[in-house]
């Protein structure tokens, strides 16, 4: 089996949003996207004091892609114009298909605003092909205990399977485009070997710790994204110290990407239509 080649390691760039600590590994200076993974923000880790203002992500629209939010620590409240509501705690995820158009808010619930606490969140944007961009909006919110935790390498590695399949276990999210998505907790010395990756693009981001990839000597530390070749079927990840990773893979879409703020389409005309539709109130009921 051919091994995927390590092409480049990209540091996350600091780009705070108000008092929310934010680092962004993609897009980066030398990386527009890892098709179909468009955008990744790493918020925190930080501790909010009591009587704080919480997260700044009030009601805003999306069209043409999916958002996946990983709550590593803290609480996150979701509400959208399709009628979905939830409060997700540490280890949980929110997977929203914006599709033809939705307005949502991701904010801190009242308990967090009053009491404060630790917060660390990843937010990922996953593109949809043109044939699916106008899909019906959908939302899945999962708590930590609803996500299968698969033990690997004699318990040194735990793969939290969100979407896709691993050795007969299927993740609870049924992705429209066959995306595999997980978080991986590794103890020092743990090894994760993955296969079936040929012609699929890998998303590998180090949240915490340090890892080695394949036969490459240099170790990769937290706040770095690993760019791997599309060709190649396998990859091996070794934990130099306790580590937490975001690991996903997907078939590239290979279509033009035209984005404007919260809209991601394939042509400029579709962007204009998205703005028109949003302004005309066609993205569902107002969140107030």
Protein backbone atom coordinates (compact mmCIF):
# COMPACT_ATOMS: atom_id res chain seq x y z
CA UNK A 1 0.00 0.00 0.00
CA UNK A 2 1.23 3.49 -0.85
CA UNK A 3 1.67 5.99 1.96
CA UNK A 4 0.41 9.55 1.66
CA UNK A 5 3.22 12.08 1.46
CA UNK A 6 3.52 14.99 3.85
CA UNK A 7 3.50 18.11 1.66
CA UNK A 8 3.60 20.95 4.18
CA UNK A 9 2.80 21.86 7.77
CA UNK A 10 0.76 25.05 8.21
CA UNK A 11 0.76 27.04 11.47
CA UNK A 12 -2.54 28.44 12.67
CA UNK A 13 -2.54 32.22 12.48
CA UNK A 14 -3.80 34.31 15.40
CA UNK A 15 -6.94 36.26 14.53
CA UNK A 16 -8.90 37.06 17.70
CA UNK A 17 -12.57 37.96 17.50
CA UNK A 18 -13.05 40.55 20.24
CA UNK A 19 -12.02 38.86 23.49
CA UNK A 20 -12.37 35.38 21.95
CA UNK A 21 -8.92 33.86 21.36
CA UNK A 22 -8.91 32.57 17.79
CA UNK A 23 -6.34 30.82 15.63
CA UNK A 24 -7.02 29.83 12.02
CA UNK A 25 -5.06 27.05 10.26
CA UNK A 26 -7.06 27.14 7.03
CA UNK A 27 -7.26 29.13 4.86
CA UNK A 28 -3.58 29.93 5.30
CA UNK A 29 -0.91 31.88 3.44
CA UNK A 30 -0.05 28.89 1.27
CA UNK A 31 -3.30 26.96 1.48
CA UNK A 32 -6.71 28.13 0.25
CA UNK A 33 -8.53 24.95 1.27
CA UNK A 34 -8.18 21.19 1.61
CA UNK A 35 -11.05 20.43 -0.75
CA UNK A 36 -13.80 20.10 0.50
CA UNK A 37 -12.63 21.48 3.88
CA UNK A 38 -12.85 25.24 3.47
CA UNK A 39 -12.25 26.87 6.82
CA UNK A 40 -11.20 25.97 10.36
CA UNK A 41 -11.20 28.22 13.42
CA UNK A 42 -9.75 27.18 16.78
CA UNK A 43 -11.32 29.26 19.57
CA UNK A 44 -9.63 29.19 22.97
CA UNK A 45 -8.65 27.53 25.18
CA UNK A 46 -9.50 30.26 27.64
CA UNK A 47 -11.45 30.83 30.83
CA UNK A 48 -14.32 33.30 30.94
CA UNK A 49 -15.06 35.10 34.22
CA UNK A 50 -18.53 35.18 35.79
CA UNK A 51 -20.95 37.68 34.21
CA UNK A 52 -19.25 37.56 30.80
CA UNK A 53 -20.59 38.45 27.35
CA UNK A 54 -20.01 34.98 25.96
CA UNK A 55 -19.52 34.02 22.35
CA UNK A 56 -20.09 36.69 19.67
CA UNK A 57 -21.83 34.51 17.08
CA UNK A 58 -25.35 35.94 17.11
CA UNK A 59 -27.86 35.33 14.29
CA UNK A 60 -26.20 35.16 10.86
CA UNK A 61 -26.98 33.40 7.56
CA UNK A 62 -25.30 30.60 5.60
CA UNK A 63 -25.86 28.96 2.22
CA UNK A 64 -24.05 26.32 0.18
CA UNK A 65 -22.05 24.30 2.72
CA UNK A 66 -22.06 22.60 6.13
CA UNK A 67 -20.74 23.77 9.49
CA UNK A 68 -19.32 21.36 12.05
CA UNK A 69 -18.68 22.70 15.55
CA UNK A 70 -16.64 20.68 18.05
CA UNK A 71 -17.17 21.68 21.69
CA UNK A 72 -13.93 20.60 23.36
CA UNK A 73 -14.70 22.48 26.57
CA UNK A 74 -17.54 24.68 27.80
CA UNK A 75 -21.15 25.00 26.67
CA UNK A 76 -22.60 26.08 23.34
CA UNK A 77 -26.23 26.95 22.57
CA UNK A 78 -27.54 26.58 19.01
CA UNK A 79 -30.73 28.02 17.55
CA UNK A 80 -31.68 28.32 13.89
CA UNK A 81 -34.44 29.47 11.55
CA UNK A 82 -35.46 25.88 10.78
CA UNK A 83 -36.57 25.46 14.38
CA UNK A 84 -33.62 23.52 15.83
CA UNK A 85 -32.37 24.29 19.36
CA UNK A 86 -29.83 22.62 21.61
CA UNK A 87 -27.19 23.19 24.29
CA UNK A 88 -24.14 20.98 23.78
CA UNK A 89 -21.46 20.32 26.39
CA UNK A 90 -17.80 19.20 26.38
CA UNK A 91 -16.99 16.50 23.84
CA UNK A 92 -20.15 17.10 21.83
CA UNK A 93 -20.61 18.36 18.28
CA UNK A 94 -23.06 20.31 16.16
CA UNK A 95 -23.38 19.42 12.46
CA UNK A 96 -25.50 21.83 10.43
CA UNK A 97 -26.31 21.61 6.74
CA UNK A 98 -26.95 25.18 5.63
CA UNK A 99 -27.99 23.99 2.16
CA UNK A 100 -30.30 26.44 0.41
CA UNK A 101 -30.22 28.84 3.33
CA UNK A 102 -30.47 29.07 7.09
CA UNK A 103 -29.98 31.65 9.84
CA UNK A 104 -28.39 30.37 13.03
CA UNK A 105 -26.84 31.58 16.26
CA UNK A 106 -24.11 29.86 18.26
CA UNK A 107 -23.90 31.60 21.60
CA UNK A 108 -23.13 30.92 25.24
CA UNK A 109 -26.15 29.75 27.28
CA UNK A 110 -27.31 31.74 30.32
CA UNK A 111 -25.55 29.39 32.75
CA UNK A 112 -22.18 30.11 31.10
CA UNK A 113 -22.84 33.85 30.94
CA UNK A 114 -23.59 33.95 34.65
CA UNK A 115 -20.99 31.52 35.97
CA UNK A 116 -18.21 31.67 33.36
CA UNK A 117 -15.86 28.75 32.84
CA UNK A 118 -13.47 27.13 30.40
CA UNK A 119 -14.10 27.32 26.67
CA UNK A 120 -12.47 25.68 23.66
CA UNK A 121 -14.24 25.18 20.34
CA UNK A 122 -13.32 24.20 16.79
CA UNK A 123 -15.48 25.33 13.88
CA UNK A 124 -15.11 23.72 10.47
CA UNK A 125 -16.78 24.57 7.16
CA UNK A 126 -17.30 21.67 4.74
CA UNK A 127 -18.18 22.51 1.15
CA UNK A 128 -21.07 20.94 -0.74
CA UNK A 129 -20.99 20.16 -4.48
CA UNK A 130 -23.17 22.31 -6.72
CA UNK A 131 -25.80 19.56 -6.98
CA UNK A 132 -26.30 19.67 -3.18
CA UNK A 133 -25.89 23.37 -2.40
CA UNK A 134 -29.64 23.93 -2.37
CA UNK A 135 -30.40 20.95 -0.12
CA UNK A 136 -32.94 21.24 2.67
CA UNK A 137 -31.31 22.71 5.80
CA UNK A 138 -30.68 20.20 8.59
CA UNK A 139 -29.09 20.02 12.04
CA UNK A 140 -27.74 17.34 14.36
CA UNK A 141 -26.55 18.10 17.89
CA UNK A 142 -24.78 15.32 19.78
CA UNK A 143 -23.51 15.13 23.34
CA UNK A 144 -20.23 13.38 24.13
CA UNK A 145 -21.94 10.14 25.20
CA UNK A 146 -23.78 9.90 21.86
CA UNK A 147 -20.54 9.67 19.89
CA UNK A 148 -18.89 6.22 19.68
CA UNK A 149 -15.47 6.18 21.41
CA UNK A 150 -13.41 3.45 19.75
CA UNK A 151 -10.39 2.03 21.58
CA UNK A 152 -7.29 1.47 19.40
CA UNK A 153 -3.71 0.35 20.09
CA UNK A 154 -4.52 -1.32 23.42
CA UNK A 155 -6.37 1.74 24.66
CA UNK A 156 -3.61 4.24 23.91
CA UNK A 157 -5.75 5.81 21.19
CA UNK A 158 -9.43 6.76 21.37
CA UNK A 159 -11.15 7.65 18.11
CA UNK A 160 -14.43 9.53 18.62
CA UNK A 161 -16.33 8.59 15.46
CA UNK A 162 -18.68 11.37 14.33
CA UNK A 163 -19.29 10.55 10.66
CA UNK A 164 -18.21 7.68 8.44
CA UNK A 165 -17.28 4.12 9.34
CA UNK A 166 -14.43 2.49 11.27
CA UNK A 167 -14.06 -1.30 11.33
CA UNK A 168 -17.79 -1.95 11.30
CA UNK A 169 -18.86 0.94 13.53
CA UNK A 170 -20.79 3.76 11.89
CA UNK A 171 -20.74 7.34 13.15
CA UNK A 172 -24.06 8.95 14.17
CA UNK A 173 -23.89 11.70 11.53
CA UNK A 174 -24.87 10.66 8.00
CA UNK A 175 -22.87 13.06 5.84
CA UNK A 176 -24.39 14.08 2.50
CA UNK A 177 -21.04 13.58 0.75
CA UNK A 178 -19.48 10.64 2.58
CA UNK A 179 -17.21 12.71 4.83
CA UNK A 180 -15.32 10.83 7.54
CA UNK A 181 -14.99 12.96 10.69
CA UNK A 182 -13.53 12.30 14.12
CA UNK A 183 -11.56 13.62 17.02
CA UNK A 184 -8.68 11.47 18.24
CA UNK A 185 -7.23 11.41 21.76
CA UNK A 186 -3.78 9.79 21.92
CA UNK A 187 -1.62 8.85 24.87
CA UNK A 188 2.14 9.27 24.55
CA UNK A 189 3.47 6.35 22.50
CA UNK A 190 0.11 5.58 20.89
CA UNK A 191 -0.05 4.82 17.17
CA UNK A 192 -2.97 5.25 14.77
CA UNK A 193 -2.78 3.64 11.32
CA UNK A 194 -5.40 4.58 8.76
CA UNK A 195 -6.09 3.19 5.30
CA UNK A 196 -8.63 3.55 2.49
CA UNK A 197 -7.52 7.13 1.86
CA UNK A 198 -6.55 6.97 -1.83
CA UNK A 199 -7.88 9.97 -3.77
CA UNK A 200 -9.35 11.39 -0.56
CA UNK A 201 -8.12 14.59 1.03
CA UNK A 202 -7.15 14.36 4.69
CA UNK A 203 -7.86 17.01 7.31
CA UNK A 204 -5.34 16.58 10.15
CA UNK A 205 -5.05 19.32 12.76
CA UNK A 206 -3.14 19.08 16.03
CA UNK A 207 -5.22 20.62 18.82
CA UNK A 208 -2.91 19.62 21.67
CA UNK A 209 0.36 17.73 22.10
CA UNK A 210 2.95 16.66 19.52
CA UNK A 211 2.79 13.94 16.87
CA UNK A 212 4.89 12.32 14.18
CA UNK A 213 3.46 11.47 10.77
CA UNK A 214 4.75 8.59 8.67
CA UNK A 215 8.51 8.40 8.29
CA UNK A 216 9.09 12.14 8.66
CA UNK A 217 11.54 13.08 11.39
CA UNK A 218 10.13 16.47 12.36
CA UNK A 219 7.46 16.44 15.03
CA UNK A 220 4.28 18.48 14.60
CA UNK A 221 3.03 20.46 17.56
CA UNK A 222 -0.30 21.96 18.59
CA UNK A 223 -1.90 24.66 16.41
CA UNK A 224 -0.52 23.16 13.20
CA UNK A 225 -2.36 21.63 10.25
CA UNK A 226 -0.77 18.81 8.23
CA UNK A 227 -1.20 18.88 4.44
CA UNK A 228 -0.95 15.41 2.90
CA UNK A 229 -0.90 14.29 -0.71
CA UNK A 230 -4.13 13.22 -2.37
CA UNK A 231 -2.45 10.10 -3.73
CA UNK A 232 -1.59 7.35 -1.31
CA UNK A 233 -3.80 5.00 0.66
CA UNK A 234 -2.40 5.03 4.20
CA UNK A 235 -1.07 7.30 6.91
CA UNK A 236 0.47 6.53 10.30
CA UNK A 237 0.29 8.96 13.23
CA UNK A 238 2.44 8.56 16.35
CA UNK A 239 1.94 10.49 19.59
CA UNK A 240 5.19 11.87 20.99
CA UNK A 241 3.21 13.11 23.99
CA UNK A 242 -0.46 13.10 24.94
CA UNK A 243 -2.30 14.66 22.00
CA UNK A 244 -5.72 15.62 20.70
CA UNK A 245 -6.32 15.69 16.95
CA UNK A 246 -9.05 16.64 14.51
CA UNK A 247 -9.00 13.97 11.81
CA UNK A 248 -11.26 13.77 8.77
CA UNK A 249 -11.12 12.82 5.12
CA UNK A 250 -13.32 13.27 2.08
CA UNK A 251 -13.46 12.99 -1.68
CA UNK A 252 -12.50 16.35 -3.24
CA UNK A 253 -15.31 18.17 -5.05
CA UNK A 254 -13.09 19.79 -7.73
CA UNK A 255 -15.49 22.66 -8.44
CA UNK A 256 -14.98 26.43 -8.37
CA UNK A 257 -15.38 28.01 -4.94
CA UNK A 258 -16.88 31.50 -4.88
CA UNK A 259 -17.40 32.79 -1.37
CA UNK A 260 -18.76 36.00 0.06
CA UNK A 261 -18.86 36.18 3.83
CA UNK A 262 -21.26 33.44 5.01
CA UNK A 263 -22.18 32.20 1.50
CA UNK A 264 -20.19 29.63 -0.50
CA UNK A 265 -21.32 28.89 -4.05
CA UNK A 266 -19.77 28.06 -7.44
CA UNK A 267 -20.49 31.27 -9.37
CA UNK A 268 -20.68 34.99 -8.65
CA UNK A 269 -24.28 34.99 -9.88
CA UNK A 270 -25.21 32.42 -7.22
CA UNK A 271 -23.66 34.64 -4.55
CA UNK A 272 -25.75 37.60 -5.72
CA UNK A 273 -28.85 35.41 -5.58
CA UNK A 274 -27.95 34.24 -2.06
CA UNK A 275 -27.67 37.82 -0.83
CA UNK A 276 -30.97 38.72 -2.54
CA UNK A 277 -32.75 35.71 -1.04
CA UNK A 278 -31.44 36.42 2.45
CA UNK A 279 -32.44 40.08 2.30
CA UNK A 280 -35.89 39.02 1.09
CA UNK A 281 -36.33 36.77 4.15
CA UNK A 282 -36.18 33.48 2.26
CA UNK A 283 -33.85 31.78 4.76
CA UNK A 284 -36.60 30.90 7.20
CA UNK A 285 -38.16 32.58 10.20
CA UNK A 286 -36.30 35.33 12.04
CA UNK A 287 -34.49 34.44 15.26
CA UNK A 288 -35.41 37.81 16.74
